[in-house]
Structure formats: C-alpha cells, structure tokens
Amino acid sequence: MNQPTCGHCGYDLTGAESNRCPECGLLFIEAGVEIRRQSLSKSRRSRQFLVLGLLVFFGLSAAVAGMAYFRAQALRAQAIAAQQAALARQQAAIQQARQQSSKSNDQSQSDGGDRRERVSDSVGEP
C-alpha cells in the first residue's frame, strides 16, 4: 500500500485535514508530498521469512533425498552387475567342465573300442 508522507520531515500525512504538515508546519506545496510504499509489518515480514526458510529447507531436503535415491539405484545396479558376472563365470566353468568331461568320455570310449577289437581279434585266432 502507498502512503503519503511529508517531503521535509517524513511524517505520515494519511488523514491530514489541512494543507500543512502537522509535524513541521510546512505547506504541502513547499515541502512536497512523497508517496512511499508502506513498509511491511514485522509479523508479515516474519511470516515471509518463515515461508522462505521452509521452502529452502524442503527444497534442500528433496535434493538430498533425490541424490540418496539415485545413489541407492546406482549401488543396486552395481550389485546386479556383479551377480550377473559371477553367474556368467559359473556358467563358463560348468560349460568348460562339461567339455572336458565329454572329451575324456570320447577318449575312453575310443580306447575301449580299440581294446575290444584287439581282444576279439586275439580270441578269434587260435
């Protein structure tokens, strides 16, 4: 809100009944009349600072919570990647063991087959 004040002494002229300042006695035309914005009351100013403080507090809290959430997501992704790598290593080891087992089975079967042929050859001969 705007309020008229005396240009000489700064007295609030709201509701003045004459053309003279009740404080300094100068005519309004001599001293001039200034229109000033009414200053905010202390309680209103306090409320504004309180609201501003709360907004800053909750804004910072939301930012910290967001950073914590994204950090937890990153850690979770790292843990999943580590589990997948361990599983891939296990599967590779199992596959390698199967291949070695099948190679040894193939070799033993081919060795066994040679022995049988030799045995049957030696049995058939008098």
N, C-alpha and C. Protein backbone atom coordinates (compact mmCIF):
# COMPACT_ATOMS: atom_id res chain seq x y z
N MET A 1 0.84 -1.18 0.00
CA MET A 1 0.00 0.00 0.00
C MET A 1 0.88 1.23 0.00
N ASN A 2 0.37 2.26 -0.65
CA ASN A 2 1.10 3.53 -0.71
C ASN A 2 0.57 4.47 0.36
N GLN A 3 1.50 5.25 0.93
CA GLN A 3 1.08 6.22 1.93
C GLN A 3 1.77 7.55 1.66
N PRO A 4 1.02 8.66 1.73
CA PRO A 4 1.63 9.98 1.52
C PRO A 4 2.40 10.42 2.77
N THR A 5 3.60 10.96 2.51
CA THR A 5 4.42 11.46 3.62
C THR A 5 4.92 12.86 3.30
N CYS A 6 5.26 13.58 4.31
CA CYS A 6 5.80 14.93 4.15
C CYS A 6 7.20 14.82 3.55
N GLY A 7 7.47 15.62 2.52
CA GLY A 7 8.76 15.60 1.86
C GLY A 7 9.87 16.17 2.72
N HIS A 8 9.52 16.95 3.75
CA HIS A 8 10.53 17.58 4.61
C HIS A 8 10.86 16.70 5.81
N CYS A 9 9.86 16.27 6.55
CA CYS A 9 10.12 15.52 7.79
C CYS A 9 9.77 14.04 7.72
N GLY A 10 9.04 13.64 6.68
CA GLY A 10 8.70 12.23 6.53
C GLY A 10 7.48 11.80 7.33
N TYR A 11 6.72 12.77 7.87
CA TYR A 11 5.53 12.45 8.66
C TYR A 11 4.46 11.84 7.77
N ASP A 12 3.74 10.86 8.30
CA ASP A 12 2.67 10.19 7.56
C ASP A 12 1.48 11.16 7.47
N LEU A 13 1.09 11.53 6.25
CA LEU A 13 0.02 12.51 6.05
C LEU A 13 -1.33 11.87 5.81
N THR A 14 -1.43 10.57 6.01
CA THR A 14 -2.72 9.91 5.82
C THR A 14 -3.73 10.50 6.80
N GLY A 15 -4.85 10.95 6.25
CA GLY A 15 -5.91 11.52 7.09
C GLY A 15 -5.67 12.97 7.49
N ALA A 16 -4.68 13.66 6.88
CA ALA A 16 -4.42 15.07 7.23
C ALA A 16 -5.62 15.91 6.81
N GLU A 17 -6.03 16.89 7.68
CA GLU A 17 -7.23 17.68 7.44
C GLU A 17 -6.92 19.05 6.82
N SER A 18 -5.65 19.43 6.77
CA SER A 18 -5.31 20.73 6.18
C SER A 18 -4.22 20.52 5.14
N ASN A 19 -3.74 21.63 4.56
CA ASN A 19 -2.69 21.55 3.57
C ASN A 19 -1.31 21.81 4.16
N ARG A 20 -1.22 21.68 5.48
CA ARG A 20 0.04 21.83 6.19
C ARG A 20 0.39 20.52 6.91
N CYS A 21 1.70 20.29 7.04
CA CYS A 21 2.16 19.09 7.76
C CYS A 21 1.94 19.32 9.25
N PRO A 22 1.27 18.41 9.93
CA PRO A 22 1.05 18.59 11.36
C PRO A 22 2.36 18.51 12.17
N GLU A 23 3.41 17.95 11.61
CA GLU A 23 4.67 17.77 12.33
C GLU A 23 5.56 19.00 12.21
N CYS A 24 5.87 19.40 10.94
CA CYS A 24 6.81 20.50 10.75
C CYS A 24 6.12 21.83 10.40
N GLY A 25 4.85 21.82 10.03
CA GLY A 25 4.10 23.05 9.76
C GLY A 25 4.27 23.60 8.36
N LEU A 26 5.06 22.97 7.52
CA LEU A 26 5.23 23.46 6.15
C LEU A 26 4.02 23.11 5.30
N LEU A 27 3.75 23.99 4.33
CA LEU A 27 2.69 23.69 3.38
C LEU A 27 3.13 22.50 2.53
N PHE A 28 2.16 21.74 2.12
CA PHE A 28 2.47 20.56 1.30
C PHE A 28 3.20 20.96 0.03
N ILE A 29 2.80 22.14 -0.53
CA ILE A 29 3.42 22.58 -1.77
C ILE A 29 4.87 22.98 -1.56
N GLU A 30 5.21 23.46 -0.33
CA GLU A 30 6.59 23.84 -0.03
C GLU A 30 7.44 22.61 0.26
N ALA A 31 6.93 21.70 1.05
CA ALA A 31 7.71 20.53 1.47
C ALA A 31 7.64 19.42 0.44
N GLY A 32 6.55 19.39 -0.29
CA GLY A 32 6.35 18.30 -1.24
C GLY A 32 5.75 17.09 -0.52
N VAL A 33 5.01 16.33 -1.26
CA VAL A 33 4.39 15.13 -0.71
C VAL A 33 4.98 13.94 -1.45
N GLU A 34 5.52 13.04 -0.72
CA GLU A 34 6.10 11.83 -1.31
C GLU A 34 5.18 10.65 -1.06
N ILE A 35 5.11 9.83 -2.03
CA ILE A 35 4.31 8.62 -1.88
C ILE A 35 5.29 7.47 -1.65
N ARG A 36 5.21 6.90 -0.50
CA ARG A 36 6.10 5.78 -0.15
C ARG A 36 5.29 4.51 -0.01
N ARG A 37 5.97 3.46 -0.32
CA ARG A 37 5.33 2.16 -0.08
C ARG A 37 5.32 1.91 1.42
N GLN A 38 4.22 1.47 1.89
CA GLN A 38 4.10 1.17 3.30
C GLN A 38 4.99 -0.03 3.61
N SER A 39 5.78 0.11 4.63
CA SER A 39 6.68 -0.99 4.98
C SER A 39 5.86 -2.15 5.56
N LEU A 40 6.37 -3.31 5.34
CA LEU A 40 5.68 -4.49 5.83
C LEU A 40 5.76 -4.54 7.35
N SER A 41 4.70 -5.01 7.95
CA SER A 41 4.73 -5.13 9.40
C SER A 41 5.71 -6.24 9.78
N LYS A 42 6.16 -6.21 11.01
CA LYS A 42 7.13 -7.20 11.46
C LYS A 42 6.58 -8.61 11.39
N SER A 43 5.30 -8.76 11.74
CA SER A 43 4.72 -10.10 11.71
C SER A 43 4.62 -10.61 10.28
N ARG A 44 4.26 -9.74 9.35
CA ARG A 44 4.17 -10.16 7.95
C ARG A 44 5.55 -10.49 7.40
N ARG A 45 6.53 -9.69 7.75
CA ARG A 45 7.90 -9.94 7.33
C ARG A 45 8.41 -11.25 7.92
N SER A 46 8.06 -11.50 9.18
CA SER A 46 8.47 -12.74 9.82
C SER A 46 7.85 -13.94 9.13
N ARG A 47 6.58 -13.82 8.77
CA ARG A 47 5.92 -14.91 8.04
C ARG A 47 6.58 -15.16 6.70
N GLN A 48 6.94 -14.08 6.01
CA GLN A 48 7.59 -14.25 4.71
C GLN A 48 8.94 -14.96 4.86
N PHE A 49 9.71 -14.58 5.87
CA PHE A 49 10.99 -15.25 6.11
C PHE A 49 10.78 -16.70 6.51
N LEU A 50 9.75 -16.95 7.30
CA LEU A 50 9.45 -18.32 7.69
C LEU A 50 9.08 -19.17 6.48
N VAL A 51 8.23 -18.64 5.62
CA VAL A 51 7.84 -19.38 4.41
C VAL A 51 9.06 -19.59 3.51
N LEU A 52 9.85 -18.56 3.35
CA LEU A 52 11.05 -18.68 2.53
C LEU A 52 12.00 -19.72 3.13
N GLY A 53 12.19 -19.68 4.44
CA GLY A 53 13.05 -20.66 5.11
C GLY A 53 12.54 -22.08 4.94
N LEU A 54 11.23 -22.26 5.07
CA LEU A 54 10.64 -23.59 4.89
C LEU A 54 10.81 -24.08 3.45
N LEU A 55 10.62 -23.18 2.50
CA LEU A 55 10.80 -23.57 1.10
C LEU A 55 12.24 -24.00 0.83
N VAL A 56 13.18 -23.25 1.35
CA VAL A 56 14.59 -23.61 1.18
C VAL A 56 14.87 -24.95 1.86
N PHE A 57 14.37 -25.11 3.07
CA PHE A 57 14.60 -26.36 3.81
C PHE A 57 14.04 -27.56 3.05
N PHE A 58 12.78 -27.47 2.62
CA PHE A 58 12.18 -28.60 1.92
C PHE A 58 12.80 -28.82 0.55
N GLY A 59 13.21 -27.74 -0.10
CA GLY A 59 13.91 -27.89 -1.37
C GLY A 59 15.22 -28.63 -1.22
N LEU A 60 15.99 -28.24 -0.20
CA LEU A 60 17.26 -28.93 0.05
C LEU A 60 17.02 -30.37 0.49
N SER A 61 15.99 -30.59 1.29
CA SER A 61 15.67 -31.95 1.72
C SER A 61 15.31 -32.83 0.52
N ALA A 62 14.53 -32.28 -0.39
CA ALA A 62 14.16 -33.04 -1.59
C ALA A 62 15.39 -33.34 -2.44
N ALA A 63 16.29 -32.38 -2.53
CA ALA A 63 17.51 -32.60 -3.32
C ALA A 63 18.37 -33.69 -2.69
N VAL A 64 18.52 -33.66 -1.38
CA VAL A 64 19.32 -34.68 -0.69
C VAL A 64 18.66 -36.05 -0.83
N ALA A 65 17.34 -36.09 -0.67
CA ALA A 65 16.62 -37.37 -0.82
C ALA A 65 16.76 -37.90 -2.24
N GLY A 66 16.69 -37.03 -3.22
CA GLY A 66 16.85 -37.44 -4.61
C GLY A 66 18.24 -38.00 -4.86
N MET A 67 19.26 -37.33 -4.32
CA MET A 67 20.62 -37.82 -4.50
C MET A 67 20.79 -39.17 -3.83
N ALA A 68 20.22 -39.35 -2.65
CA ALA A 68 20.32 -40.63 -1.95
C ALA A 68 19.61 -41.72 -2.73
N TYR A 69 18.46 -41.40 -3.31
CA TYR A 69 17.72 -42.38 -4.11
C TYR A 69 18.53 -42.82 -5.32
N PHE A 70 19.09 -41.86 -6.04
CA PHE A 70 19.86 -42.21 -7.23
C PHE A 70 21.15 -42.94 -6.88
N ARG A 71 21.74 -42.61 -5.74
CA ARG A 71 22.93 -43.34 -5.30
C ARG A 71 22.57 -44.78 -4.97
N ALA A 72 21.43 -44.98 -4.31
CA ALA A 72 20.98 -46.35 -3.99
C ALA A 72 20.70 -47.13 -5.27
N GLN A 73 20.12 -46.47 -6.27
CA GLN A 73 19.86 -47.13 -7.54
C GLN A 73 21.16 -47.54 -8.23
N ALA A 74 22.17 -46.68 -8.15
CA ALA A 74 23.46 -46.99 -8.75
C ALA A 74 24.12 -48.17 -8.04
N LEU A 75 24.05 -48.18 -6.71
CA LEU A 75 24.62 -49.29 -5.96
C LEU A 75 23.89 -50.59 -6.27
N ARG A 76 22.59 -50.51 -6.42
CA ARG A 76 21.79 -51.69 -6.76
C ARG A 76 22.18 -52.22 -8.13
N ALA A 77 22.36 -51.31 -9.08
CA ALA A 77 22.77 -51.71 -10.43
C ALA A 77 24.15 -52.36 -10.40
N GLN A 78 25.06 -51.83 -9.58
CA GLN A 78 26.39 -52.43 -9.46
C GLN A 78 26.31 -53.83 -8.87
N ALA A 79 25.46 -54.00 -7.87
CA ALA A 79 25.31 -55.32 -7.24
C ALA A 79 24.74 -56.32 -8.24
N ILE A 80 23.77 -55.90 -9.03
CA ILE A 80 23.19 -56.78 -10.04
C ILE A 80 24.23 -57.15 -11.08
N ALA A 81 25.03 -56.17 -11.50
CA ALA A 81 26.07 -56.44 -12.49
C ALA A 81 27.09 -57.43 -11.93
N ALA A 82 27.45 -57.29 -10.65
CA ALA A 82 28.40 -58.22 -10.03
C ALA A 82 27.82 -59.62 -9.96
N GLN A 83 26.52 -59.72 -9.62
CA GLN A 83 25.87 -61.03 -9.58
C GLN A 83 25.83 -61.67 -10.96
N GLN A 84 25.54 -60.87 -11.97
CA GLN A 84 25.49 -61.40 -13.33
C GLN A 84 26.87 -61.86 -13.79
N ALA A 85 27.91 -61.12 -13.42
CA ALA A 85 29.27 -61.51 -13.79
C ALA A 85 29.65 -62.82 -13.10
N ALA A 86 29.29 -62.97 -11.82
CA ALA A 86 29.58 -64.20 -11.10
C ALA A 86 28.83 -65.37 -11.71
N LEU A 87 27.59 -65.17 -12.09
CA LEU A 87 26.80 -66.21 -12.72
C LEU A 87 27.40 -66.61 -14.07
N ALA A 88 27.85 -65.62 -14.84
CA ALA A 88 28.48 -65.91 -16.12
C ALA A 88 29.76 -66.71 -15.93
N ARG A 89 30.54 -66.38 -14.89
CA ARG A 89 31.77 -67.15 -14.61
C ARG A 89 31.41 -68.58 -14.22
N GLN A 90 30.37 -68.76 -13.42
CA GLN A 90 29.95 -70.11 -13.03
C GLN A 90 29.49 -70.91 -14.24
N GLN A 91 28.71 -70.28 -15.09
CA GLN A 91 28.24 -70.98 -16.28
C GLN A 91 29.39 -71.34 -17.21
N ALA A 92 30.37 -70.46 -17.34
CA ALA A 92 31.54 -70.76 -18.18
C ALA A 92 32.32 -71.92 -17.59
N ALA A 93 32.46 -71.94 -16.26
CA ALA A 93 33.18 -73.04 -15.62
C ALA A 93 32.44 -74.36 -15.81
N ILE A 94 31.12 -74.34 -15.69
CA ILE A 94 30.32 -75.55 -15.89
C ILE A 94 30.45 -76.02 -17.34
N GLN A 95 30.36 -75.11 -18.27
CA GLN A 95 30.49 -75.45 -19.70
C GLN A 95 31.87 -76.04 -19.98
N GLN A 96 32.89 -75.46 -19.41
CA GLN A 96 34.25 -75.95 -19.60
C GLN A 96 34.39 -77.35 -19.01
N ALA A 97 33.82 -77.57 -17.84
CA ALA A 97 33.88 -78.89 -17.21
C ALA A 97 33.14 -79.91 -18.06
N ARG A 98 32.01 -79.53 -18.62
CA ARG A 98 31.26 -80.44 -19.49
C ARG A 98 32.06 -80.80 -20.73
N GLN A 99 32.72 -79.81 -21.30
CA GLN A 99 33.53 -80.08 -22.49
C GLN A 99 34.69 -81.03 -22.16
N GLN A 100 35.34 -80.80 -21.04
CA GLN A 100 36.44 -81.68 -20.64
C GLN A 100 35.92 -83.07 -20.36
N SER A 101 34.76 -83.17 -19.73
CA SER A 101 34.17 -84.47 -19.43
C SER A 101 33.80 -85.21 -20.71
N SER A 102 33.22 -84.50 -21.67
CA SER A 102 32.84 -85.16 -22.92
C SER A 102 34.08 -85.57 -23.71
N LYS A 103 35.15 -84.78 -23.65
CA LYS A 103 36.40 -85.17 -24.33
C LYS A 103 36.98 -86.42 -23.70
N SER A 104 36.99 -86.47 -22.37
CA SER A 104 37.55 -87.65 -21.70
C SER A 104 36.67 -88.87 -21.94
N ASN A 105 35.35 -88.69 -22.01
CA ASN A 105 34.45 -89.81 -22.33
C ASN A 105 34.69 -90.30 -23.75
N ASP A 106 34.87 -89.37 -24.69
CA ASP A 106 35.14 -89.75 -26.07
C ASP A 106 36.45 -90.52 -26.17
N GLN A 107 37.45 -90.06 -25.44
CA GLN A 107 38.75 -90.74 -25.48
C GLN A 107 38.66 -92.12 -24.85
N SER A 108 37.94 -92.24 -23.74
CA SER A 108 37.83 -93.54 -23.09
C SER A 108 37.01 -94.50 -23.94
N GLN A 109 36.00 -93.98 -24.63
CA GLN A 109 35.21 -94.85 -25.50
C GLN A 109 36.03 -95.29 -26.69
N SER A 110 36.81 -94.40 -27.25
CA SER A 110 37.64 -94.79 -28.40
C SER A 110 38.74 -95.75 -27.95
N ASP A 111 39.30 -95.58 -26.76
CA ASP A 111 40.31 -96.51 -26.21
C ASP A 111 39.66 -97.85 -25.91
N GLY A 112 38.49 -97.84 -25.37
CA GLY A 112 37.77 -99.08 -25.05
C GLY A 112 37.42 -99.84 -26.31
N GLY A 113 37.05 -99.14 -27.34
CA GLY A 113 36.70 -99.77 -28.60
C GLY A 113 37.92 -100.45 -29.23
N ASP A 114 39.08 -99.85 -29.13
CA ASP A 114 40.31 -100.45 -29.65
C ASP A 114 40.64 -101.71 -28.88
N ARG A 115 40.46 -101.67 -27.59
CA ARG A 115 40.76 -102.84 -26.75
C ARG A 115 39.83 -103.99 -27.12
N ARG A 116 38.57 -103.67 -27.35
CA ARG A 116 37.62 -104.73 -27.69
C ARG A 116 37.99 -105.38 -29.03
N GLU A 117 38.38 -104.52 -29.96
CA GLU A 117 38.78 -105.09 -31.24
C GLU A 117 40.00 -105.98 -31.09
N ARG A 118 40.93 -105.54 -30.29
CA ARG A 118 42.13 -106.33 -30.06
C ARG A 118 41.80 -107.64 -29.37
N VAL A 119 40.89 -107.55 -28.38
CA VAL A 119 40.51 -108.75 -27.65
C VAL A 119 39.79 -109.69 -28.58
N SER A 120 38.87 -109.17 -29.38
CA SER A 120 38.13 -110.07 -30.27
C SER A 120 39.05 -110.63 -31.36
N ASP A 121 40.03 -109.89 -31.77
CA ASP A 121 40.98 -110.39 -32.75
C ASP A 121 41.84 -111.49 -32.14
N SER A 122 42.25 -111.26 -30.90
CA SER A 122 43.10 -112.27 -30.28
C SER A 122 42.32 -113.51 -29.89
N VAL A 123 41.04 -113.39 -29.58
CA VAL A 123 40.23 -114.53 -29.23
C VAL A 123 39.92 -115.36 -30.47
N GLY A 124 39.70 -114.75 -31.59
CA GLY A 124 39.36 -115.47 -32.79
C GLY A 124 40.57 -116.20 -33.35
N GLU A 125 41.73 -115.85 -33.02
CA GLU A 125 42.92 -116.51 -33.56
C GLU A 125 43.28 -117.71 -32.67
N PRO A 126 43.58 -118.81 -33.29
CA PRO A 126 44.00 -119.96 -32.49
C PRO A 126 45.43 -119.96 -32.16
